[in-house]
Amino acid sequence: MAKLETRVYEDFDALLDRIENGILNGSVSASLEDKSDFRTREARCSVRVFERYSYIGSNRVSMSLTLFQSSEDRGVDISAITSGGSQAIFFKFNTFGEEAFLDKLRELL
């Protein structure tokens, strides 16, 4: 498992569109598995779950992405967690695919 957490000051919708399009167009095997969006007067939250094939690890890797913004601060908090990159039964090794998935997100940010 690998994780990226950061805050950016950008338009929420434009940022979400750029990330979705960048992930899906960045790999022929990438897919958007599901999504969820919540909004109140005070806050906004979008969750996306992506999956793609990792050639390095010879397996599928998922990335859960959460964008959160409150009305108090126009910053957008981002949390991305990848999983599924290990081939071992009892311990994790060869998690290169998980880091590579996060690297794609870093490029987009």
C-alpha atoms as a PDB file:
ATOM      1  CA  MET A   1       0.000   0.000   0.000  1.00  0.00           C
ATOM      2  CA  ALA A   2       1.178   3.492  -0.846  1.00  0.00           C
ATOM      3  CA  LYS A   3      -0.383   6.814   0.122  1.00  0.00           C
ATOM      4  CA  LEU A   4      -0.292  10.438  -1.027  1.00  0.00           C
ATOM      5  CA  GLU A   5      -1.912  13.264   0.918  1.00  0.00           C
ATOM      6  CA  THR A   6      -1.713  16.911  -0.041  1.00  0.00           C
ATOM      7  CA  ARG A   7      -3.670  20.151  -0.352  1.00  0.00           C
ATOM      8  CA  VAL A   8      -4.011  22.222  -3.515  1.00  0.00           C
ATOM      9  CA  TYR A   9      -5.703  25.528  -4.238  1.00  0.00           C
ATOM     10  CA  GLU A  10      -7.564  24.945  -7.473  1.00  0.00           C
ATOM     11  CA  ASP A  11     -11.112  24.824  -8.754  1.00  0.00           C
ATOM     12  CA  PHE A  12     -12.629  21.588  -7.399  1.00  0.00           C
ATOM     13  CA  ASP A  13     -14.435  20.576 -10.612  1.00  0.00           C
ATOM     14  CA  ALA A  14     -11.500  21.355 -12.899  1.00  0.00           C
ATOM     15  CA  LEU A  15      -9.137  19.436 -10.622  1.00  0.00           C
ATOM     16  CA  LEU A  16     -11.410  16.388 -10.453  1.00  0.00           C
ATOM     17  CA  ASP A  17     -11.883  16.376 -14.241  1.00  0.00           C
ATOM     18  CA  ARG A  18      -8.131  16.676 -14.842  1.00  0.00           C
ATOM     19  CA  ILE A  19      -7.384  13.787 -12.486  1.00  0.00           C
ATOM     20  CA  GLU A  20     -10.123  11.513 -13.887  1.00  0.00           C
ATOM     21  CA  ASN A  21      -9.143  12.160 -17.501  1.00  0.00           C
ATOM     22  CA  GLY A  22      -5.417  11.930 -16.770  1.00  0.00           C
ATOM     23  CA  ILE A  23      -5.702   8.579 -14.986  1.00  0.00           C
ATOM     24  CA  LEU A  24      -8.051   7.058 -17.557  1.00  0.00           C
ATOM     25  CA  ASN A  25      -6.052   8.328 -20.537  1.00  0.00           C
ATOM     26  CA  GLY A  26      -2.695   7.553 -18.923  1.00  0.00           C
ATOM     27  CA  SER A  27      -2.984   3.774 -19.211  1.00  0.00           C
ATOM     28  CA  VAL A  28      -4.794   1.514 -21.666  1.00  0.00           C
ATOM     29  CA  SER A  29      -5.855  -0.740 -18.792  1.00  0.00           C
ATOM     30  CA  ALA A  30      -7.087   2.013 -16.436  1.00  0.00           C
ATOM     31  CA  SER A  31     -10.748   2.048 -15.471  1.00  0.00           C
ATOM     32  CA  LEU A  32     -12.994   3.996 -13.138  1.00  0.00           C
ATOM     33  CA  GLU A  33     -14.545   1.267 -10.995  1.00  0.00           C
ATOM     34  CA  ASP A  34     -16.959   3.455  -9.040  1.00  0.00           C
ATOM     35  CA  LYS A  35     -17.502   6.971  -7.755  1.00  0.00           C
ATOM     36  CA  SER A  36     -19.416   8.866  -5.112  1.00  0.00           C
ATOM     37  CA  ASP A  37     -20.094  12.576  -4.603  1.00  0.00           C
ATOM     38  CA  PHE A  38     -21.447  14.461  -1.590  1.00  0.00           C
ATOM     39  CA  ARG A  39     -22.218  18.128  -1.189  1.00  0.00           C
ATOM     40  CA  THR A  40     -23.670  20.377   1.497  1.00  0.00           C
ATOM     41  CA  ARG A  41     -23.502  24.139   1.938  1.00  0.00           C
ATOM     42  CA  GLU A  42     -20.426  23.684   4.109  1.00  0.00           C
ATOM     43  CA  ALA A  43     -18.476  20.947   2.367  1.00  0.00           C
ATOM     44  CA  ARG A  44     -17.906  18.873  -0.709  1.00  0.00           C
ATOM     45  CA  CYS A  45     -16.409  15.395  -1.082  1.00  0.00           C
ATOM     46  CA  SER A  46     -15.735  13.222  -4.121  1.00  0.00           C
ATOM     47  CA  VAL A  47     -14.470   9.649  -3.980  1.00  0.00           C
ATOM     48  CA  ARG A  48     -13.119   7.729  -6.975  1.00  0.00           C
ATOM     49  CA  VAL A  49     -11.828   4.171  -7.217  1.00  0.00           C
ATOM     50  CA  PHE A  50      -9.562   3.452 -10.170  1.00  0.00           C
ATOM     51  CA  GLU A  51      -7.955   0.214 -11.245  1.00  0.00           C
ATOM     52  CA  ARG A  52      -5.267  -0.643 -13.759  1.00  0.00           C
ATOM     53  CA  TYR A  53      -2.969  -3.481 -14.713  1.00  0.00           C
ATOM     54  CA  SER A  54       0.605  -3.218 -13.457  1.00  0.00           C
ATOM     55  CA  TYR A  55       3.080  -4.673 -15.934  1.00  0.00           C
ATOM     56  CA  ILE A  56       5.829  -4.380 -13.332  1.00  0.00           C
ATOM     57  CA  GLY A  57       3.958  -6.471 -10.772  1.00  0.00           C
ATOM     58  CA  SER A  58       1.954  -8.573 -13.252  1.00  0.00           C
ATOM     59  CA  ASN A  59      -1.245  -7.840 -11.338  1.00  0.00           C
ATOM     60  CA  ARG A  60      -4.048  -5.312 -10.976  1.00  0.00           C
ATOM     61  CA  VAL A  61      -3.636  -2.284  -8.718  1.00  0.00           C
ATOM     62  CA  SER A  62      -6.394  -0.086  -7.332  1.00  0.00           C
ATOM     63  CA  MET A  63      -6.305   3.531  -6.220  1.00  0.00           C
ATOM     64  CA  SER A  64      -8.896   5.120  -3.943  1.00  0.00           C
ATOM     65  CA  LEU A  65      -8.963   8.887  -4.368  1.00  0.00           C
ATOM     66  CA  THR A  66     -10.765  11.348  -2.079  1.00  0.00           C
ATOM     67  CA  LEU A  67     -11.099  15.079  -2.698  1.00  0.00           C
ATOM     68  CA  PHE A  68     -12.528  17.199   0.132  1.00  0.00           C
ATOM     69  CA  GLN A  69     -13.254  20.904   0.352  1.00  0.00           C
ATOM     70  CA  SER A  70     -14.949  22.883   3.121  1.00  0.00           C
ATOM     71  CA  SER A  71     -16.453  26.334   2.780  1.00  0.00           C
ATOM     72  CA  GLU A  72     -14.080  27.659   5.454  1.00  0.00           C
ATOM     73  CA  ASP A  73     -11.041  27.236   3.233  1.00  0.00           C
ATOM     74  CA  ARG A  74     -10.958  27.050  -0.564  1.00  0.00           C
ATOM     75  CA  GLY A  75      -8.172  24.473  -0.486  1.00  0.00           C
ATOM     76  CA  VAL A  76      -8.895  20.983  -1.766  1.00  0.00           C
ATOM     77  CA  ASP A  77      -7.566  18.169   0.426  1.00  0.00           C
ATOM     78  CA  ILE A  78      -6.505  15.096  -1.530  1.00  0.00           C
ATOM     79  CA  SER A  79      -5.961  11.595  -0.210  1.00  0.00           C
ATOM     80  CA  ALA A  80      -4.964   8.765  -2.539  1.00  0.00           C
ATOM     81  CA  ILE A  81      -4.270   5.211  -1.394  1.00  0.00           C
ATOM     82  CA  THR A  82      -3.181   2.400  -3.679  1.00  0.00           C
ATOM     83  CA  SER A  83      -3.459  -1.306  -3.008  1.00  0.00           C
ATOM     84  CA  GLY A  84      -3.115  -4.678  -4.669  1.00  0.00           C
ATOM     85  CA  GLY A  85       0.464  -4.422  -5.862  1.00  0.00           C
ATOM     86  CA  SER A  86       1.888  -7.302  -3.861  1.00  0.00           C
ATOM     87  CA  GLN A  87       2.306 -10.878  -5.057  1.00  0.00           C
ATOM     88  CA  ALA A  88       3.093 -12.468  -1.693  1.00  0.00           C
ATOM     89  CA  ILE A  89       0.718 -14.485   0.461  1.00  0.00           C
ATOM     90  CA  PHE A  90       1.852 -13.487   3.966  1.00  0.00           C
ATOM     91  CA  PHE A  91       3.858 -10.283   3.475  1.00  0.00           C
ATOM     92  CA  LYS A  92       4.125  -7.494   0.935  1.00  0.00           C
ATOM     93  CA  PHE A  93       6.873  -7.241  -1.619  1.00  0.00           C
ATOM     94  CA  ASN A  94       7.081  -5.859  -5.150  1.00  0.00           C
ATOM     95  CA  THR A  95       4.839  -2.850  -4.558  1.00  0.00           C
ATOM     96  CA  PHE A  96       6.296  -0.947  -7.525  1.00  0.00           C
ATOM     97  CA  GLY A  97       2.938  -0.910  -9.312  1.00  0.00           C
ATOM     98  CA  GLU A  98       1.299   0.900  -6.416  1.00  0.00           C
ATOM     99  CA  GLU A  99       3.971   3.622  -6.390  1.00  0.00           C
ATOM    100  CA  ALA A 100       3.790   3.938 -10.185  1.00  0.00           C
ATOM    101  CA  PHE A 101       0.025   4.533  -9.944  1.00  0.00           C
ATOM    102  CA  LEU A 102       0.617   7.324  -7.411  1.00  0.00           C
ATOM    103  CA  ASP A 103       3.377   8.759  -9.621  1.00  0.00           C
ATOM    104  CA  LYS A 104       0.783   9.267 -12.348  1.00  0.00           C
ATOM    105  CA  LEU A 105      -1.384  11.207  -9.901  1.00  0.00           C
ATOM    106  CA  ARG A 106       1.631  13.285  -8.812  1.00  0.00           C
ATOM    107  CA  GLU A 107       2.201  14.250 -12.457  1.00  0.00           C
ATOM    108  CA  LEU A 108      -1.397  15.403 -12.727  1.00  0.00           C
ATOM    109  CA  LEU A 109      -1.182  17.522  -9.590  1.00  0.00           C
END
